[in-house]
Full PDB file with SEQRES, HELIX, SHEET, SSBOND, CRYST1, ORIGX, SCALE, CONECT and MASTER records, all heavy atoms in Angstrom:
SEQRES   1 A   31  ASP ASP ILE SER ILE ALA GLU VAL MET LEU ALA ASN LYS          
SEQRES   2 A   31  GLN PHE SER ASP PHE PHE GLY GLU ALA ASP ALA TYR GLN          
SEQRES   3 A   31  THR VAL SER GLY ALA                                          
HELIX    1 AA1 ILE A    5  LEU A   10  1                                   6    
HELIX    2 AA2 PHE A   15  GLY A   30  1                                  16    
CRYST1    1.000    1.000    1.000  90.00  90.00  90.00 P 1           1          
ORIGX1      1.000000  0.000000  0.000000        0.00000                         
ORIGX2      0.000000  1.000000  0.000000        0.00000                         
ORIGX3      0.000000  0.000000  1.000000        0.00000                         
SCALE1      1.000000  0.000000  0.000000        0.00000                         
SCALE2      0.000000  1.000000  0.000000        0.00000                         
SCALE3      0.000000  0.000000  1.000000        0.00000                         
ATOM      1  N   ASP A   1      44.986 -22.865  18.805  1.00  0.00           N  
ATOM      2  CA  ASP A   1      45.631 -21.543  18.719  1.00  0.00           C  
ATOM      3  C   ASP A   1      44.939 -20.488  19.583  1.00  0.00           C  
ATOM      4  O   ASP A   1      45.561 -19.529  20.060  1.00  0.00           O  
ATOM      5  CB  ASP A   1      45.627 -21.061  17.318  1.00  0.00           C  
ATOM      6  CG  ASP A   1      46.644 -20.023  17.029  1.00  0.00           C  
ATOM      7  OD1 ASP A   1      47.775 -20.157  17.619  1.00  0.00           O  
ATOM      8  OD2 ASP A   1      46.357 -19.050  16.320  1.00  0.00           O  
ATOM      9  N   ASP A   2      43.579 -20.731  19.842  1.00  0.00           N  
ATOM     10  CA  ASP A   2      42.850 -19.763  20.685  1.00  0.00           C  
ATOM     11  C   ASP A   2      43.066 -19.985  22.195  1.00  0.00           C  
ATOM     12  O   ASP A   2      42.651 -19.176  23.007  1.00  0.00           O  
ATOM     13  CB  ASP A   2      41.344 -19.896  20.358  1.00  0.00           C  
ATOM     14  CG  ASP A   2      41.056 -19.407  18.953  1.00  0.00           C  
ATOM     15  OD1 ASP A   2      41.866 -18.602  18.472  1.00  0.00           O  
ATOM     16  OD2 ASP A   2      40.000 -19.788  18.433  1.00  0.00           O  
ATOM     17  N   ILE A   3      43.680 -21.116  22.582  1.00  0.00           N  
ATOM     18  CA  ILE A   3      43.915 -21.359  24.004  1.00  0.00           C  
ATOM     19  C   ILE A   3      45.034 -20.489  24.500  1.00  0.00           C  
ATOM     20  O   ILE A   3      46.147 -20.417  23.905  1.00  0.00           O  
ATOM     21  CB  ILE A   3      44.315 -22.858  24.246  1.00  0.00           C  
ATOM     22  CG1 ILE A   3      43.194 -23.746  23.766  1.00  0.00           C  
ATOM     23  CG2 ILE A   3      44.672 -23.133  25.637  1.00  0.00           C  
ATOM     24  CD1 ILE A   3      43.497 -25.212  23.873  1.00  0.00           C  
ATOM     25  N   SER A   4      44.738 -19.802  25.588  1.00  0.00           N  
ATOM     26  CA  SER A   4      45.769 -18.841  26.156  1.00  0.00           C  
ATOM     27  C   SER A   4      46.798 -19.633  26.967  1.00  0.00           C  
ATOM     28  O   SER A   4      46.532 -20.799  27.394  1.00  0.00           O  
ATOM     29  CB  SER A   4      45.068 -17.810  27.032  1.00  0.00           C  
ATOM     30  OG  SER A   4      44.483 -18.471  28.228  1.00  0.00           O  
ATOM     31  N   ILE A   5      47.902 -18.976  27.290  1.00  0.00           N  
ATOM     32  CA  ILE A   5      48.925 -19.617  28.147  1.00  0.00           C  
ATOM     33  C   ILE A   5      48.402 -19.890  29.559  1.00  0.00           C  
ATOM     34  O   ILE A   5      48.745 -20.877  30.118  1.00  0.00           O  
ATOM     35  CB  ILE A   5      50.186 -18.644  28.201  1.00  0.00           C  
ATOM     36  CG1 ILE A   5      50.791 -18.522  26.837  1.00  0.00           C  
ATOM     37  CG2 ILE A   5      51.191 -19.171  29.212  1.00  0.00           C  
ATOM     38  CD1 ILE A   5      51.982 -17.587  26.784  1.00  0.00           C  
ATOM     39  N   ALA A   6      47.499 -18.954  30.047  1.00  0.00           N  
ATOM     40  CA  ALA A   6      46.956 -19.215  31.344  1.00  0.00           C  
ATOM     41  C   ALA A   6      46.147 -20.510  31.343  1.00  0.00           C  
ATOM     42  O   ALA A   6      46.164 -21.262  32.331  1.00  0.00           O  
ATOM     43  CB  ALA A   6      46.093 -18.027  31.729  1.00  0.00           C  
ATOM     44  N   GLU A   7      45.388 -20.781  30.270  1.00  0.00           N  
ATOM     45  CA  GLU A   7      44.610 -21.971  30.224  1.00  0.00           C  
ATOM     46  C   GLU A   7      45.448 -23.210  30.138  1.00  0.00           C  
ATOM     47  O   GLU A   7      45.163 -24.269  30.679  1.00  0.00           O  
ATOM     48  CB  GLU A   7      43.703 -21.888  28.979  1.00  0.00           C  
ATOM     49  CG  GLU A   7      42.569 -20.922  29.077  1.00  0.00           C  
ATOM     50  CD  GLU A   7      41.717 -20.772  27.816  1.00  0.00           C  
ATOM     51  OE1 GLU A   7      42.368 -20.717  26.780  1.00  0.00           O  
ATOM     52  OE2 GLU A   7      40.476 -20.688  27.934  1.00  0.00           O  
ATOM     53  N   VAL A   8      46.629 -23.051  29.468  1.00  0.00           N  
ATOM     54  CA  VAL A   8      47.504 -24.181  29.439  1.00  0.00           C  
ATOM     55  C   VAL A   8      48.043 -24.497  30.873  1.00  0.00           C  
ATOM     56  O   VAL A   8      48.147 -25.650  31.234  1.00  0.00           O  
ATOM     57  CB  VAL A   8      48.727 -23.843  28.473  1.00  0.00           C  
ATOM     58  CG1 VAL A   8      49.778 -24.980  28.567  1.00  0.00           C  
ATOM     59  CG2 VAL A   8      48.216 -23.671  27.066  1.00  0.00           C  
ATOM     60  N   MET A   9      48.377 -23.451  31.563  1.00  0.00           N  
ATOM     61  CA  MET A   9      48.922 -23.628  32.958  1.00  0.00           C  
ATOM     62  C   MET A   9      47.842 -24.257  33.891  1.00  0.00           C  
ATOM     63  O   MET A   9      48.072 -25.127  34.641  1.00  0.00           O  
ATOM     64  CB  MET A   9      49.430 -22.284  33.495  1.00  0.00           C  
ATOM     65  CG  MET A   9      50.628 -21.754  32.711  1.00  0.00           C  
ATOM     66  SD  MET A   9      51.141 -20.175  33.369  1.00  0.00           S  
ATOM     67  CE  MET A   9      51.719 -20.604  34.988  1.00  0.00           C  
ATOM     68  N   LEU A  10      46.564 -23.741  33.727  1.00  0.00           N  
ATOM     69  CA  LEU A  10      45.463 -24.276  34.539  1.00  0.00           C  
ATOM     70  C   LEU A  10      45.148 -25.752  34.230  1.00  0.00           C  
ATOM     71  O   LEU A  10      44.767 -26.501  35.110  1.00  0.00           O  
ATOM     72  CB  LEU A  10      44.220 -23.346  34.299  1.00  0.00           C  
ATOM     73  CG  LEU A  10      44.260 -22.003  34.943  1.00  0.00           C  
ATOM     74  CD1 LEU A  10      43.014 -21.152  34.546  1.00  0.00           C  
ATOM     75  CD2 LEU A  10      44.290 -22.061  36.486  1.00  0.00           C  
ATOM     76  N   ALA A  11      45.372 -26.078  32.957  1.00  0.00           N  
ATOM     77  CA  ALA A  11      45.133 -27.455  32.579  1.00  0.00           C  
ATOM     78  C   ALA A  11      46.286 -28.391  32.957  1.00  0.00           C  
ATOM     79  O   ALA A  11      46.275 -29.520  32.726  1.00  0.00           O  
ATOM     80  CB  ALA A  11      44.897 -27.515  31.026  1.00  0.00           C  
ATOM     81  N   ASN A  12      47.324 -27.767  33.586  1.00  0.00           N  
ATOM     82  CA  ASN A  12      48.491 -28.522  34.087  1.00  0.00           C  
ATOM     83  C   ASN A  12      49.159 -29.225  32.882  1.00  0.00           C  
ATOM     84  O   ASN A  12      49.610 -30.398  33.038  1.00  0.00           O  
ATOM     85  CB  ASN A  12      48.087 -29.525  35.107  1.00  0.00           C  
ATOM     86  CG  ASN A  12      49.284 -30.030  35.896  1.00  0.00           C  
ATOM     87  OD1 ASN A  12      50.330 -29.345  36.004  1.00  0.00           O  
ATOM     88  ND2 ASN A  12      49.182 -31.219  36.461  1.00  0.00           N  
ATOM     89  N   LYS A  13      49.237 -28.545  31.753  1.00  0.00           N  
ATOM     90  CA  LYS A  13      49.883 -29.169  30.587  1.00  0.00           C  
ATOM     91  C   LYS A  13      51.284 -28.579  30.394  1.00  0.00           C  
ATOM     92  O   LYS A  13      51.530 -27.435  30.758  1.00  0.00           O  
ATOM     93  CB  LYS A  13      49.089 -28.923  29.334  1.00  0.00           C  
ATOM     94  CG  LYS A  13      47.703 -29.610  29.332  1.00  0.00           C  
ATOM     95  CD  LYS A  13      47.038 -29.445  28.026  1.00  0.00           C  
ATOM     96  CE  LYS A  13      47.730 -30.168  26.900  1.00  0.00           C  
ATOM     97  NZ  LYS A  13      47.023 -30.122  25.601  1.00  0.00           N  
ATOM     98  N   GLN A  14      52.185 -29.329  29.855  1.00  0.00           N  
ATOM     99  CA  GLN A  14      53.517 -28.863  29.534  1.00  0.00           C  
ATOM    100  C   GLN A  14      53.467 -28.037  28.308  1.00  0.00           C  
ATOM    101  O   GLN A  14      52.727 -28.315  27.386  1.00  0.00           O  
ATOM    102  CB  GLN A  14      54.494 -30.033  29.364  1.00  0.00           C  
ATOM    103  CG  GLN A  14      54.646 -30.924  30.635  1.00  0.00           C  
ATOM    104  CD  GLN A  14      55.419 -30.184  31.708  1.00  0.00           C  
ATOM    105  OE1 GLN A  14      56.285 -29.298  31.482  1.00  0.00           O  
ATOM    106  NE2 GLN A  14      55.112 -30.472  32.934  1.00  0.00           N  
ATOM    107  N   PHE A  15      54.280 -26.981  28.328  1.00  0.00           N  
ATOM    108  CA  PHE A  15      54.353 -26.135  27.127  1.00  0.00           C  
ATOM    109  C   PHE A  15      54.813 -26.958  25.874  1.00  0.00           C  
ATOM    110  O   PHE A  15      54.386 -26.745  24.760  1.00  0.00           O  
ATOM    111  CB  PHE A  15      55.340 -24.938  27.290  1.00  0.00           C  
ATOM    112  CG  PHE A  15      54.737 -23.845  28.168  1.00  0.00           C  
ATOM    113  CD1 PHE A  15      55.151 -23.672  29.504  1.00  0.00           C  
ATOM    114  CD2 PHE A  15      53.757 -23.004  27.707  1.00  0.00           C  
ATOM    115  CE1 PHE A  15      54.592 -22.716  30.250  1.00  0.00           C  
ATOM    116  CE2 PHE A  15      53.231 -22.001  28.421  1.00  0.00           C  
ATOM    117  CZ  PHE A  15      53.623 -21.856  29.744  1.00  0.00           C  
ATOM    118  N   SER A  16      55.720 -27.877  26.187  1.00  0.00           N  
ATOM    119  CA  SER A  16      56.229 -28.707  25.083  1.00  0.00           C  
ATOM    120  C   SER A  16      55.126 -29.521  24.473  1.00  0.00           C  
ATOM    121  O   SER A  16      55.109 -29.738  23.275  1.00  0.00           O  
ATOM    122  CB  SER A  16      57.376 -29.567  25.593  1.00  0.00           C  
ATOM    123  OG  SER A  16      56.910 -30.473  26.600  1.00  0.00           O  
ATOM    124  N   ASP A  17      54.193 -30.069  25.298  1.00  0.00           N  
ATOM    125  CA  ASP A  17      53.132 -30.796  24.761  1.00  0.00           C  
ATOM    126  C   ASP A  17      52.191 -29.971  23.950  1.00  0.00           C  
ATOM    127  O   ASP A  17      51.704 -30.349  22.847  1.00  0.00           O  
ATOM    128  CB  ASP A  17      52.278 -31.389  25.941  1.00  0.00           C  
ATOM    129  CG  ASP A  17      53.040 -32.528  26.645  1.00  0.00           C  
ATOM    130  OD1 ASP A  17      53.973 -33.080  26.011  1.00  0.00           O  
ATOM    131  OD2 ASP A  17      52.690 -32.841  27.731  1.00  0.00           O  
ATOM    132  N   PHE A  18      51.898 -28.708  24.391  1.00  0.00           N  
ATOM    133  CA  PHE A  18      51.025 -27.798  23.709  1.00  0.00           C  
ATOM    134  C   PHE A  18      51.555 -27.492  22.317  1.00  0.00           C  
ATOM    135  O   PHE A  18      50.873 -27.631  21.338  1.00  0.00           O  
ATOM    136  CB  PHE A  18      50.813 -26.521  24.579  1.00  0.00           C  
ATOM    137  CG  PHE A  18      49.984 -25.463  23.862  1.00  0.00           C  
ATOM    138  CD1 PHE A  18      48.591 -25.608  23.750  1.00  0.00           C  
ATOM    139  CD2 PHE A  18      50.604 -24.372  23.324  1.00  0.00           C  
ATOM    140  CE1 PHE A  18      47.866 -24.605  23.101  1.00  0.00           C  
ATOM    141  CE2 PHE A  18      49.835 -23.396  22.638  1.00  0.00           C  
ATOM    142  CZ  PHE A  18      48.467 -23.567  22.626  1.00  0.00           C  
ATOM    143  N   PHE A  19      52.797 -27.078  22.320  1.00  0.00           N  
ATOM    144  CA  PHE A  19      53.402 -26.673  21.018  1.00  0.00           C  
ATOM    145  C   PHE A  19      53.766 -27.893  20.171  1.00  0.00           C  
ATOM    146  O   PHE A  19      53.688 -27.804  18.905  1.00  0.00           O  
ATOM    147  CB  PHE A  19      54.660 -25.852  21.236  1.00  0.00           C  
ATOM    148  CG  PHE A  19      54.419 -24.485  21.794  1.00  0.00           C  
ATOM    149  CD1 PHE A  19      54.727 -24.148  23.108  1.00  0.00           C  
ATOM    150  CD2 PHE A  19      53.700 -23.528  21.014  1.00  0.00           C  
ATOM    151  CE1 PHE A  19      54.414 -22.888  23.600  1.00  0.00           C  
ATOM    152  CE2 PHE A  19      53.458 -22.252  21.514  1.00  0.00           C  
ATOM    153  CZ  PHE A  19      53.810 -21.935  22.792  1.00  0.00           C  
ATOM    154  N   GLY A  20      53.939 -29.016  20.818  1.00  0.00           N  
ATOM    155  CA  GLY A  20      54.148 -30.263  20.074  1.00  0.00           C  
ATOM    156  C   GLY A  20      52.907 -30.673  19.338  1.00  0.00           C  
ATOM    157  O   GLY A  20      52.965 -31.131  18.180  1.00  0.00           O  
ATOM    158  N   GLU A  21      51.761 -30.500  19.955  1.00  0.00           N  
ATOM    159  CA  GLU A  21      50.501 -30.816  19.345  1.00  0.00           C  
ATOM    160  C   GLU A  21      50.267 -29.873  18.122  1.00  0.00           C  
ATOM    161  O   GLU A  21      49.761 -30.298  17.071  1.00  0.00           O  
ATOM    162  CB  GLU A  21      49.345 -30.783  20.278  1.00  0.00           C  
ATOM    163  CG  GLU A  21      49.331 -31.931  21.316  1.00  0.00           C  
ATOM    164  CD  GLU A  21      48.187 -31.780  22.325  1.00  0.00           C  
ATOM    165  OE1 GLU A  21      47.324 -30.932  22.081  1.00  0.00           O  
ATOM    166  OE2 GLU A  21      48.162 -32.593  23.269  1.00  0.00           O  
ATOM    167  N   ALA A  22      50.587 -28.629  18.345  1.00  0.00           N  
ATOM    168  CA  ALA A  22      50.420 -27.641  17.249  1.00  0.00           C  
ATOM    169  C   ALA A  22      51.322 -27.999  16.059  1.00  0.00           C  
ATOM    170  O   ALA A  22      50.882 -27.967  14.874  1.00  0.00           O  
ATOM    171  CB  ALA A  22      50.764 -26.254  17.767  1.00  0.00           C  
ATOM    172  N   ASP A  23      52.561 -28.418  16.323  1.00  0.00           N  
ATOM    173  CA  ASP A  23      53.460 -28.800  15.260  1.00  0.00           C  
ATOM    174  C   ASP A  23      52.901 -30.081  14.540  1.00  0.00           C  
ATOM    175  O   ASP A  23      52.991 -30.180  13.288  1.00  0.00           O  
ATOM    176  CB  ASP A  23      54.842 -29.143  15.790  1.00  0.00           C  
ATOM    177  CG  ASP A  23      55.598 -27.856  16.220  1.00  0.00           C  
ATOM    178  OD1 ASP A  23      55.176 -26.756  15.795  1.00  0.00           O  
ATOM    179  OD2 ASP A  23      56.502 -28.006  17.059  1.00  0.00           O  
ATOM    180  N   ALA A  24      52.326 -30.980  15.326  1.00  0.00           N  
ATOM    181  CA  ALA A  24      51.789 -32.229  14.720  1.00  0.00           C  
ATOM    182  C   ALA A  24      50.592 -31.830  13.833  1.00  0.00           C  
ATOM    183  O   ALA A  24      50.491 -32.429  12.739  1.00  0.00           O  
ATOM    184  CB  ALA A  24      51.317 -33.121  15.826  1.00  0.00           C  
ATOM    185  N   TYR A  25      49.756 -30.987  14.271  1.00  0.00           N  
ATOM    186  CA  TYR A  25      48.635 -30.553  13.376  1.00  0.00           C  
ATOM    187  C   TYR A  25      49.155 -29.923  12.082  1.00  0.00           C  
ATOM    188  O   TYR A  25      48.625 -30.143  11.009  1.00  0.00           O  
ATOM    189  CB  TYR A  25      47.731 -29.533  14.101  1.00  0.00           C  
ATOM    190  CG  TYR A  25      46.754 -30.262  15.028  1.00  0.00           C  
ATOM    191  CD1 TYR A  25      46.807 -30.005  16.389  1.00  0.00           C  
ATOM    192  CD2 TYR A  25      45.761 -31.103  14.522  1.00  0.00           C  
ATOM    193  CE1 TYR A  25      45.840 -30.639  17.242  1.00  0.00           C  
ATOM    194  CE2 TYR A  25      44.798 -31.651  15.307  1.00  0.00           C  
ATOM    195  CZ  TYR A  25      44.886 -31.435  16.758  1.00  0.00           C  
ATOM    196  OH  TYR A  25      43.973 -32.096  17.534  1.00  0.00           O  
ATOM    197  N   GLN A  26      50.190 -29.091  12.212  1.00  0.00           N  
ATOM    198  CA  GLN A  26      50.718 -28.421  11.027  1.00  0.00           C  
ATOM    199  C   GLN A  26      51.341 -29.541  10.115  1.00  0.00           C  
ATOM    200  O   GLN A  26      51.250 -29.410   8.833  1.00  0.00           O  
ATOM    201  CB  GLN A  26      51.788 -27.421  11.424  1.00  0.00           C  
ATOM    202  CG  GLN A  26      51.179 -26.165  12.007  1.00  0.00           C  
ATOM    203  CD  GLN A  26      52.243 -25.219  12.405  1.00  0.00           C  
ATOM    204  OE1 GLN A  26      53.367 -25.591  12.844  1.00  0.00           O  
ATOM    205  NE2 GLN A  26      51.932 -23.937  12.296  1.00  0.00           N  
ATOM    206  N   THR A  27      51.917 -30.550  10.638  1.00  0.00           N  
ATOM    207  CA  THR A  27      52.507 -31.591   9.846  1.00  0.00           C  
ATOM    208  C   THR A  27      51.478 -32.361   9.016  1.00  0.00           C  
ATOM    209  O   THR A  27      51.625 -32.572   7.797  1.00  0.00           O  
ATOM    210  CB  THR A  27      53.227 -32.644  10.777  1.00  0.00           C  
ATOM    211  OG1 THR A  27      54.305 -32.028  11.446  1.00  0.00           O  
ATOM    212  CG2 THR A  27      53.802 -33.800   9.932  1.00  0.00           C  
ATOM    213  N   VAL A  28      50.405 -32.711   9.672  1.00  0.00           N  
ATOM    214  CA  VAL A  28      49.286 -33.390   8.980  1.00  0.00           C  
ATOM    215  C   VAL A  28      48.613 -32.494   7.936  1.00  0.00           C  
ATOM    216  O   VAL A  28      48.268 -32.886   6.831  1.00  0.00           O  
ATOM    217  CB  VAL A  28      48.217 -33.926   9.985  1.00  0.00           C  
ATOM    218  CG1 VAL A  28      47.066 -34.572   9.212  1.00  0.00           C  
ATOM    219  CG2 VAL A  28      48.813 -34.916  10.884  1.00  0.00           C  
ATOM    220  N   SER A  29      48.480 -31.176   8.282  1.00  0.00           N  
ATOM    221  CA  SER A  29      47.907 -30.226   7.361  1.00  0.00           C  
ATOM    222  C   SER A  29      48.726 -30.123   6.102  1.00  0.00           C  
ATOM    223  O   SER A  29      48.246 -30.115   4.955  1.00  0.00           O  
ATOM    224  CB  SER A  29      47.824 -28.826   7.995  1.00  0.00           C  
ATOM    225  OG  SER A  29      47.365 -27.866   7.143  1.00  0.00           O  
ATOM    226  N   GLY A  30      50.120 -30.108   6.301  1.00  0.00           N  
ATOM    227  CA  GLY A  30      50.934 -30.064   5.141  1.00  0.00           C  
ATOM    228  C   GLY A  30      50.841 -31.345   4.293  1.00  0.00           C  
ATOM    229  O   GLY A  30      50.843 -31.277   3.058  1.00  0.00           O  
ATOM    230  N   ALA A  31      50.766 -32.455   4.963  1.00  0.00           N  
ATOM    231  CA  ALA A  31      50.671 -33.730   4.269  1.00  0.00           C  
ATOM    232  C   ALA A  31      49.373 -33.770   3.494  1.00  0.00           C  
ATOM    233  O   ALA A  31      49.309 -34.346   2.330  1.00  0.00           O  
ATOM    234  CB  ALA A  31      50.742 -34.922   5.219  1.00  0.00           C  
TER     235      ALA A  31                                                      
MASTER        0    0    0    2    0    0    0    6  234    1    0    3          
END                                                                             
């Protein structure tokens, strides 16, 4: 959550991957 959008772009990551990982963490947290 602390990673900025600029860091995501510099890391050459897709926004869908970034938010997909966040959703996955939330899924496991809920479980």
